[in-house]
Each structure stands twice: as C-alpha cells, then as structure tokens.
Amino acid sequence: MKINTFLLLIIVMMQLSMLINITVFEGQWNGIVLALHTVLFILAFAMYVDGKKEKK
C-alpha cells in the first residue's frame, strides 16, 4: 500500500471516530478519542518518516 493511501486512511479514521463520539456518545469519550488520535498521529508520522528514509 502506498504511503499516501495509508495516511489518508488514518485521517478518515480520525474524523469518523470524532464524528461517532460527538453524535452517538455526545462527547463523553473525549479522552479515549484524544488518546486514539494521538496514537494514530504517531503511527502516521512514523510511516511518513520511514517512507522518506526508503526514498533516499
């Protein structure tokens, strides 16, 4: 899978989790969603850096 596709999937997952938290749970799981977003961001950043290293 290309890195761009993977990064877009992470963004979609982040947006959907925020949407579900706001609409279904009325924002009660903000801490869990924030932790999930942090983990997804770190994963995306690591994938991006790894992709840059492979191109060199």
Protein backbone atom coordinates (compact mmCIF):
# COMPACT_ATOMS: atom_id res chain seq x y z
CA MET A 1 0.00 0.00 0.00
CA LYS A 2 1.30 3.46 -0.87
CA ILE A 3 2.12 5.81 2.00
CA ASN A 4 -0.34 8.44 0.74
CA THR A 5 -3.20 5.94 0.86
CA PHE A 6 -2.24 4.88 4.37
CA LEU A 7 -2.08 8.49 5.58
CA LEU A 8 -5.50 9.24 4.07
CA LEU A 9 -6.96 6.19 5.80
CA ILE A 10 -5.62 7.43 9.13
CA ILE A 11 -7.24 10.83 8.56
CA VAL A 12 -10.56 9.17 7.72
CA MET A 13 -10.35 7.02 10.87
CA MET A 14 -9.68 10.11 12.98
CA GLN A 15 -12.61 12.01 11.51
CA LEU A 16 -15.01 9.09 11.84
CA SER A 17 -14.05 8.46 15.45
CA MET A 18 -14.64 12.13 16.28
CA LEU A 19 -17.99 12.11 14.46
CA ILE A 20 -19.13 8.97 16.28
CA ASN A 21 -18.00 10.37 19.63
CA ILE A 22 -19.93 13.60 19.12
CA THR A 23 -23.12 12.16 17.62
CA VAL A 24 -23.53 8.81 19.38
CA PHE A 25 -21.78 9.33 22.72
CA GLU A 26 -22.41 13.11 22.98
CA GLY A 27 -18.71 13.77 23.62
CA GLN A 28 -18.47 11.54 26.69
CA TRP A 29 -15.45 9.66 25.36
CA ASN A 30 -13.27 12.68 24.59
CA GLY A 31 -10.28 11.28 26.49
CA ILE A 32 -10.37 7.96 24.68
CA VAL A 33 -10.77 9.65 21.29
CA LEU A 34 -7.90 12.02 22.06
CA ALA A 35 -5.67 9.07 23.00
CA LEU A 36 -6.67 7.26 19.81
CA HIS A 37 -5.89 10.35 17.72
CA THR A 38 -2.51 10.68 19.39
CA VAL A 39 -1.63 7.05 18.64
CA LEU A 40 -2.83 7.40 15.03
CA PHE A 41 -0.82 10.60 14.59
CA ILE A 42 2.36 8.98 15.92
CA LEU A 43 1.77 5.98 13.64
CA ALA A 44 1.22 8.23 10.62
CA PHE A 45 4.33 10.28 11.42
CA ALA A 46 6.43 7.14 11.81
CA MET A 47 5.15 5.79 8.48
CA TYR A 48 5.93 9.12 6.80
CA VAL A 49 9.47 9.26 8.19
CA ASP A 50 10.07 5.63 7.24
CA GLY A 51 8.84 6.35 3.72
CA LYS A 52 11.22 9.28 3.43
CA LYS A 53 14.16 7.11 4.52
CA GLU A 54 13.37 4.48 1.89
CA LYS A 55 13.39 7.08 -0.92
CA LYS A 56 16.98 8.13 -0.16
